[in-house]
Amino acid sequence: MVKVILGKTGLEIEKNGFGALPIQRVDFDESAYLLRKAYENGINFIDTARAYTDSEEKIAYAFKGWNKEYPREKIILASKTQGENRKDIRADLETSLDKLETDYIDLYQIHNPSFCPTEGDGSGAYDELFDLKDEGLIKHIGFTSHKYELAEEAIKSGLYETIQFPFSYLTGPKELAIVEKCRAENIGFIAMKAMAGGLIKSSKATYTYINQFPNVVPIWGIQRESELDEFLSYMKENPKLDNELSKIIAEERKELQGDFCRGCGYCEPCPQEIEISKCARMSLWIRRFPSEPSLTEEAQALMKKIENCTECGECLSKCPYELNIPELLKKNYEDYKNILSGKTKV
């Protein structure tokens, strides 16, 4: 087990956090079991968001509204708001406090905003966060983004104690620069998308890669006990990056680096009801995992909806990775049809 101080916050946490987004997909009792097991095995940092539907309620349910067995002060809670003005941010926080059954949140982050809020910028967003901290309702202020430029702006502002940003061995020099700038400025770096939205096959490879960076705290998205057990075993073993894992990383980089969908879902909903985050990655799923689930009648119907794309451009304006989504969908669909017809072997 490795404890780290999360930048300027001074919060001491286990170097691996629990990402609560996936517990939206499991019921209350199953999510409670996972959260308790994580805590009982040393994970004391849980990251959620107001946008993650019922995940905040599930956290409160798991820890029984906080008691002697699960003392509130022992668990570091991070949540997020998508509000970009005073009213929406306060409303989000009040809801989160109610759902989490707590009177404060340790780290409150502005969630993938369209701009970097600063003091007195006219939006009132950062000013409200500062006021909430002054009132003791939140302890620390963080910033999350998928965009390099906004993350860099947040660092330069000197206003944020943590930055949450996509980071894995698929990221490039720009992302590495964000990690280094955070280290230099003593800003906590929280790594999201450490498994590239589920496309990275080897959790051990990405764990050992990220573990090389002392200031990086990955939040592993967990929805199955088997996934949790993998990361708990790495925390105990503390594996190092060896030749075998380096080879896996090199192969993964060759296949995945570049224009691929990370599955963040910010481009949705599509006016034509295309499930972009699934359809834009279907070919990759087929090549990287057992192909049968991706070739069912249901999956085929999902992919056929790509034919309805009008190239309206709505998804283009929302994609934080600036992908050409209509083109990506077309390529995936053609590849998918070739796989179905047998023209392309996988």
Protein backbone atom coordinates (compact mmCIF):
# COMPACT_ATOMS: atom_id res chain seq x y z
CA MET A 1 0.00 0.00 0.00
CA VAL A 2 1.32 3.43 -0.94
CA LYS A 3 -0.01 6.63 0.60
CA VAL A 4 0.38 9.97 -1.18
CA ILE A 5 -0.47 13.58 -0.38
CA LEU A 6 -2.89 14.93 -2.97
CA GLY A 7 -1.05 18.10 -3.91
CA LYS A 8 -1.96 21.34 -2.12
CA THR A 9 -5.00 19.71 -0.50
CA GLY A 10 -2.78 17.98 2.04
CA LEU A 11 -5.17 15.02 1.92
CA GLU A 12 -3.41 11.71 2.56
CA ILE A 13 -4.86 9.01 0.34
CA GLU A 14 -4.07 5.58 -1.01
CA LYS A 15 -2.39 6.07 -4.40
CA ASN A 16 -5.30 4.28 -6.09
CA GLY A 17 -8.83 5.64 -5.94
CA PHE A 18 -12.28 4.18 -6.58
CA GLY A 19 -14.00 5.67 -9.62
CA ALA A 20 -17.74 5.49 -8.93
CA LEU A 21 -19.08 6.15 -12.43
CA PRO A 22 -19.57 2.42 -13.26
CA ILE A 23 -21.59 1.63 -10.12
CA GLN A 24 -24.49 3.32 -11.87
CA ARG A 25 -24.78 0.02 -13.77
CA VAL A 26 -25.13 -2.26 -10.72
CA ASP A 27 -27.72 -2.36 -7.95
CA PHE A 28 -27.41 -0.86 -4.48
CA ASP A 29 -26.34 -4.04 -2.69
CA GLU A 30 -23.70 -4.98 -5.26
CA SER A 31 -22.25 -1.48 -5.35
CA ALA A 32 -22.24 -1.41 -1.53
CA TYR A 33 -20.29 -4.66 -1.45
CA LEU A 34 -17.68 -3.29 -3.86
CA LEU A 35 -17.28 0.03 -2.04
CA ARG A 36 -16.95 -1.61 1.36
CA LYS A 37 -14.45 -4.17 0.09
CA ALA A 38 -12.37 -1.40 -1.48
CA TYR A 39 -12.36 0.59 1.77
CA GLU A 40 -11.59 -2.45 3.93
CA ASN A 41 -8.58 -3.14 1.70
CA GLY A 42 -7.08 0.34 1.96
CA ILE A 43 -8.79 2.45 -0.72
CA ASN A 44 -9.92 5.62 1.06
CA PHE A 45 -10.50 7.98 -1.91
CA ILE A 46 -13.82 7.78 -3.80
CA ASP A 47 -14.56 9.94 -6.83
CA THR A 48 -18.13 10.50 -8.02
CA ALA A 49 -20.20 13.30 -9.61
CA ARG A 50 -23.67 14.78 -9.53
CA ALA A 51 -23.95 13.66 -13.16
CA TYR A 52 -23.38 10.00 -12.24
CA THR A 53 -27.11 9.45 -11.60
CA ASP A 54 -27.53 7.40 -8.37
CA SER A 55 -23.85 6.82 -7.53
CA GLU A 56 -23.87 9.33 -4.66
CA GLU A 57 -26.87 7.62 -3.07
CA LYS A 58 -25.15 4.25 -3.45
CA ILE A 59 -22.06 5.55 -1.66
CA ALA A 60 -24.15 6.71 1.31
CA TYR A 61 -26.02 3.39 1.29
CA ALA A 62 -22.75 1.43 1.23
CA PHE A 63 -21.37 3.19 4.27
CA LYS A 64 -24.70 3.15 6.13
CA GLY A 65 -24.96 6.90 6.35
CA TRP A 66 -21.53 6.98 8.05
CA ASN A 67 -21.12 5.35 11.46
CA LYS A 68 -18.42 3.95 13.75
CA GLU A 69 -17.72 1.11 11.31
CA TYR A 70 -17.41 3.55 8.41
CA PRO A 71 -16.44 6.93 9.92
CA ARG A 72 -16.95 9.83 7.54
CA GLU A 73 -13.57 11.39 8.33
CA LYS A 74 -11.76 8.23 7.21
CA ILE A 75 -13.12 8.36 3.67
CA ILE A 76 -12.09 11.13 1.27
CA LEU A 77 -15.06 11.99 -0.93
CA ALA A 78 -14.70 13.80 -4.25
CA SER A 79 -17.70 14.90 -6.29
CA LYS A 80 -18.31 17.24 -9.20
CA THR A 81 -20.67 19.88 -10.55
CA GLN A 82 -21.45 20.66 -14.17
CA GLY A 83 -22.74 24.06 -13.11
CA GLU A 84 -21.05 27.07 -14.65
CA ASN A 85 -22.73 29.78 -12.55
CA ARG A 86 -23.44 30.44 -8.87
CA LYS A 87 -27.02 29.16 -8.81
CA ASP A 88 -26.38 25.84 -10.56
CA ILE A 89 -23.21 25.07 -8.60
CA ARG A 90 -24.89 25.65 -5.23
CA ALA A 91 -27.94 23.62 -6.28
CA ASP A 92 -25.70 20.74 -7.37
CA LEU A 93 -23.76 20.82 -4.12
CA GLU A 94 -26.89 20.85 -1.99
CA THR A 95 -28.19 17.81 -3.88
CA SER A 96 -24.86 16.00 -3.54
CA LEU A 97 -24.69 16.65 0.20
CA ASP A 98 -28.21 15.29 0.56
CA LYS A 99 -27.57 12.18 -1.56
CA LEU A 100 -24.22 11.46 0.14
CA GLU A 101 -25.77 12.09 3.57
CA THR A 102 -22.88 14.28 4.62
CA ASP A 103 -22.43 17.92 5.60
CA TYR A 104 -19.24 18.46 3.58
CA ILE A 105 -17.35 17.16 0.54
CA ASP A 106 -13.58 16.85 0.76
CA LEU A 107 -12.85 17.69 -2.89
CA TYR A 108 -15.40 19.45 -5.07
CA GLN A 109 -14.51 19.66 -8.76
CA ILE A 110 -15.96 21.64 -11.63
CA HIS A 111 -16.88 18.96 -14.14
CA ASN A 112 -15.53 19.32 -17.69
CA PRO A 113 -16.58 22.98 -18.07
CA SER A 114 -16.66 24.82 -21.39
CA PHE A 115 -14.20 27.39 -19.99
CA CYS A 116 -11.82 27.72 -17.05
CA PRO A 117 -13.62 29.65 -14.29
CA THR A 118 -11.49 32.23 -12.50
CA GLU A 119 -12.08 34.84 -9.81
CA GLY A 120 -14.24 37.72 -10.95
CA ASP A 121 -14.61 36.47 -14.53
CA GLY A 122 -18.30 37.39 -14.64
CA SER A 123 -19.64 33.83 -14.54
CA GLY A 124 -19.56 33.65 -10.75
CA ALA A 125 -18.56 29.97 -10.98
CA TYR A 126 -15.22 30.09 -9.20
CA ASP A 127 -16.46 32.75 -6.79
CA GLU A 128 -19.24 30.37 -5.73
CA LEU A 129 -16.79 27.51 -5.23
CA PHE A 130 -14.65 29.81 -3.07
CA ASP A 131 -17.70 30.84 -1.02
CA LEU A 132 -18.72 27.19 -0.53
CA LYS A 133 -15.22 26.46 0.73
CA ASP A 134 -15.35 29.47 3.04
CA GLU A 135 -18.64 28.14 4.44
CA GLY A 136 -17.04 24.74 5.13
CA LEU A 137 -19.38 22.89 2.76
CA ILE A 138 -16.42 21.86 0.63
CA LYS A 139 -12.82 21.50 1.76
CA HIS A 140 -10.89 21.75 -1.51
CA ILE A 141 -11.50 22.90 -5.10
CA GLY A 142 -10.59 20.88 -8.19
CA PHE A 143 -10.89 21.08 -11.96
CA THR A 144 -11.66 18.31 -14.46
CA SER A 145 -11.30 18.42 -18.21
CA HIS A 146 -10.65 16.31 -21.29
CA LYS A 147 -9.07 19.29 -23.07
CA TYR A 148 -5.37 20.03 -22.77
CA GLU A 149 -5.79 23.79 -23.24
CA LEU A 150 -8.31 24.12 -20.42
CA ALA A 151 -6.28 21.94 -18.07
CA GLU A 152 -3.22 24.09 -18.77
CA GLU A 153 -5.25 27.24 -18.16
CA ALA A 154 -6.49 25.86 -14.83
CA ILE A 155 -2.91 25.13 -13.74
CA LYS A 156 -1.72 28.60 -14.74
CA SER A 157 -4.58 30.24 -12.83
CA GLY A 158 -3.17 28.96 -9.52
CA LEU A 159 -6.74 28.62 -8.24
CA TYR A 160 -7.21 24.85 -8.34
CA GLU A 161 -5.78 22.34 -5.89
CA THR A 162 -6.28 19.32 -8.15
CA ILE A 163 -6.58 18.58 -11.86
CA GLN A 164 -8.45 15.51 -13.12
CA PHE A 165 -7.42 14.63 -16.66
CA PRO A 166 -7.28 11.56 -18.96
CA PHE A 167 -4.01 9.70 -18.50
CA SER A 168 -2.76 6.26 -19.54
CA TYR A 169 0.13 4.86 -21.54
CA LEU A 170 -1.74 5.90 -24.70
CA THR A 171 -1.42 9.59 -23.89
CA GLY A 172 1.21 11.70 -25.58
CA PRO A 173 3.70 14.50 -24.80
CA LYS A 174 1.02 17.12 -24.10
CA GLU A 175 -0.59 14.98 -21.41
CA LEU A 176 2.77 14.14 -19.90
CA ALA A 177 3.46 17.87 -19.75
CA ILE A 178 0.26 18.37 -17.70
CA VAL A 179 1.46 15.73 -15.21
CA GLU A 180 4.83 17.44 -14.88
CA LYS A 181 3.32 20.93 -14.52
CA CYS A 182 1.04 19.65 -11.75
CA ARG A 183 4.02 18.10 -9.98
CA ALA A 184 6.01 21.33 -10.25
CA GLU A 185 3.11 23.41 -8.90
CA ASN A 186 2.16 20.88 -6.20
CA ILE A 187 -1.27 20.37 -7.76
CA GLY A 188 -2.80 16.94 -7.20
CA PHE A 189 -3.14 15.00 -10.47
CA ILE A 190 -6.09 12.59 -10.66
CA ALA A 191 -5.96 10.27 -13.67
CA MET A 192 -9.26 9.42 -15.34
CA LYS A 193 -9.63 7.08 -18.33
CA ALA A 194 -6.62 5.08 -17.14
CA MET A 195 -8.04 2.10 -19.06
CA ALA A 196 -8.84 4.31 -22.11
CA GLY A 197 -12.56 3.86 -21.65
CA GLY A 198 -12.21 0.07 -21.35
CA LEU A 199 -10.15 -0.46 -24.50
CA ILE A 200 -6.87 -1.24 -22.73
CA LYS A 201 -6.75 -5.00 -22.23
CA SER A 202 -4.06 -5.31 -19.55
CA SER A 203 -4.92 -3.65 -16.25
CA LYS A 204 -1.52 -4.72 -14.92
CA ALA A 205 0.29 -2.94 -17.73
CA THR A 206 -1.54 0.35 -17.21
CA TYR A 207 -1.23 0.03 -13.42
CA THR A 208 2.55 -0.38 -13.56
CA TYR A 209 2.92 2.41 -16.11
CA ILE A 210 0.94 4.92 -14.02
CA ASN A 211 2.65 3.76 -10.84
CA GLN A 212 5.90 5.23 -12.21
CA PHE A 213 4.50 8.72 -11.60
CA PRO A 214 4.55 9.50 -7.85
CA ASN A 215 2.12 12.42 -8.15
CA VAL A 216 -0.51 10.61 -10.24
CA VAL A 217 -3.57 9.11 -8.50
CA PRO A 218 -5.61 6.92 -10.86
CA ILE A 219 -9.30 6.42 -10.15
CA TRP A 220 -10.16 2.93 -11.36
CA GLY A 221 -13.74 2.57 -12.60
CA ILE A 222 -15.08 -0.53 -10.85
CA GLN A 223 -18.34 -2.40 -11.42
CA ARG A 224 -17.28 -6.04 -10.88
CA GLU A 225 -15.56 -7.75 -7.97
CA SER A 226 -13.06 -9.37 -10.35
CA GLU A 227 -11.93 -5.90 -11.48
CA LEU A 228 -11.54 -4.71 -7.91
CA ASP A 229 -9.60 -7.85 -7.00
CA GLU A 230 -7.11 -7.19 -9.82
CA PHE A 231 -6.26 -3.73 -8.55
CA LEU A 232 -6.16 -4.81 -4.91
CA SER A 233 -3.66 -7.53 -5.84
CA TYR A 234 -1.44 -4.98 -7.63
CA MET A 235 -1.59 -2.68 -4.60
CA LYS A 236 -0.24 -5.52 -2.46
CA GLU A 237 2.31 -6.87 -4.94
CA ASN A 238 3.49 -3.48 -6.27
CA PRO A 239 4.51 -4.95 -9.68
CA LYS A 240 7.19 -3.24 -11.74
CA LEU A 241 7.26 -2.50 -15.46
CA ASP A 242 9.17 -5.44 -16.98
CA ASN A 243 9.91 -6.55 -20.55
CA GLU A 244 6.67 -8.48 -20.88
CA LEU A 245 4.50 -5.56 -19.78
CA SER A 246 6.54 -3.12 -21.89
CA LYS A 247 5.85 -5.30 -24.92
CA ILE A 248 2.12 -5.21 -24.21
CA ILE A 249 2.24 -1.43 -23.94
CA ALA A 250 4.14 -1.11 -27.24
CA GLU A 251 1.59 -3.29 -29.03
CA GLU A 252 -1.36 -1.40 -27.53
CA ARG A 253 0.15 1.93 -28.49
CA LYS A 254 0.61 0.78 -32.06
CA GLU A 255 -3.04 -0.26 -32.33
CA LEU A 256 -4.78 2.47 -30.35
CA GLN A 257 -2.85 5.73 -30.36
CA GLY A 258 -4.42 8.36 -32.56
CA ASP A 259 -8.03 9.01 -33.49
CA PHE A 260 -10.10 6.58 -31.49
CA CYS A 261 -13.20 7.13 -29.40
CA ARG A 262 -12.52 7.11 -25.63
CA GLY A 263 -16.19 6.49 -24.83
CA CYS A 264 -16.63 9.60 -22.65
CA GLY A 265 -20.15 10.16 -24.06
CA TYR A 266 -19.96 13.97 -24.13
CA CYS A 267 -20.98 13.94 -27.81
CA GLU A 268 -24.35 12.42 -26.93
CA PRO A 269 -27.30 12.46 -27.29
CA CYS A 270 -27.29 12.28 -31.08
CA PRO A 271 -30.35 13.82 -32.83
CA GLN A 272 -30.56 10.61 -34.91
CA GLU A 273 -30.32 8.43 -31.78
CA ILE A 274 -26.97 6.94 -32.80
CA GLU A 275 -25.17 5.57 -29.73
CA ILE A 276 -21.90 7.15 -30.75
CA SER A 277 -19.78 5.98 -27.81
CA LYS A 278 -20.64 2.36 -28.67
CA CYS A 279 -20.79 2.53 -32.46
CA ALA A 280 -17.53 4.45 -32.85
CA ARG A 281 -15.67 1.75 -30.92
CA MET A 282 -17.38 -1.44 -32.10
CA SER A 283 -14.62 -2.49 -34.49
CA LEU A 284 -12.03 -2.07 -31.75
CA TRP A 285 -14.11 -4.15 -29.36
CA ILE A 286 -14.36 -6.95 -31.90
CA ARG A 287 -10.61 -7.04 -32.44
CA ARG A 288 -9.62 -6.78 -28.81
CA PHE A 289 -12.16 -8.93 -26.99
CA PRO A 290 -14.44 -11.91 -27.73
CA SER A 291 -16.33 -10.86 -30.86
CA GLU A 292 -19.68 -12.62 -30.31
CA PRO A 293 -21.32 -9.90 -28.14
CA SER A 294 -20.53 -7.33 -30.83
CA LEU A 295 -22.09 -9.36 -33.66
CA THR A 296 -25.56 -10.02 -32.23
CA GLU A 297 -28.74 -8.82 -33.95
CA GLU A 298 -28.99 -6.10 -31.30
CA ALA A 299 -25.44 -4.90 -32.05
CA GLN A 300 -26.12 -4.96 -35.78
CA ALA A 301 -29.24 -2.85 -35.31
CA LEU A 302 -27.20 -0.42 -33.24
CA MET A 303 -24.60 -0.06 -35.99
CA LYS A 304 -27.23 0.26 -38.75
CA LYS A 305 -28.39 3.52 -37.18
CA ILE A 306 -25.12 5.04 -38.45
CA GLU A 307 -26.86 5.14 -41.86
CA ASN A 308 -29.12 7.85 -40.40
CA CYS A 309 -26.21 10.24 -39.72
CA THR A 310 -26.93 13.62 -41.34
CA GLU A 311 -23.48 15.03 -40.49
CA CYS A 312 -25.25 17.85 -38.66
CA GLY A 313 -22.04 18.57 -36.73
CA GLU A 314 -23.65 18.64 -33.30
CA CYS A 315 -21.31 15.91 -32.03
CA LEU A 316 -18.25 17.68 -33.44
CA SER A 317 -18.82 20.72 -31.24
CA LYS A 318 -19.10 18.55 -28.13
CA CYS A 319 -16.18 16.13 -28.57
CA PRO A 320 -13.38 17.11 -26.15
CA TYR A 321 -10.87 15.19 -28.29
CA GLU A 322 -11.89 17.07 -31.46
CA LEU A 323 -12.50 13.84 -33.36
CA ASN A 324 -14.20 13.80 -36.77
CA ILE A 325 -17.04 11.69 -35.41
CA PRO A 326 -19.12 11.30 -38.62
CA GLU A 327 -16.01 10.06 -40.44
CA LEU A 328 -15.09 7.78 -37.55
CA LEU A 329 -18.61 6.30 -37.55
CA LYS A 330 -18.48 5.69 -41.31
CA LYS A 331 -15.14 3.90 -41.09
CA ASN A 332 -16.33 1.75 -38.21
CA TYR A 333 -19.54 0.86 -40.02
CA GLU A 334 -17.76 -0.15 -43.24
CA ASP A 335 -15.30 -2.24 -41.25
CA TYR A 336 -18.15 -3.79 -39.26
CA LYS A 337 -20.06 -4.77 -42.42
CA ASN A 338 -16.91 -6.33 -43.88
CA ILE A 339 -16.45 -8.38 -40.72
CA LEU A 340 -20.09 -9.54 -40.85
CA SER A 341 -19.79 -10.54 -44.52
CA GLY A 342 -16.50 -12.36 -43.96
CA LYS A 343 -14.48 -10.02 -46.16
CA THR A 344 -12.41 -9.02 -43.13
CA LYS A 345 -11.16 -11.72 -40.76
CA VAL A 346 -10.69 -10.99 -37.06
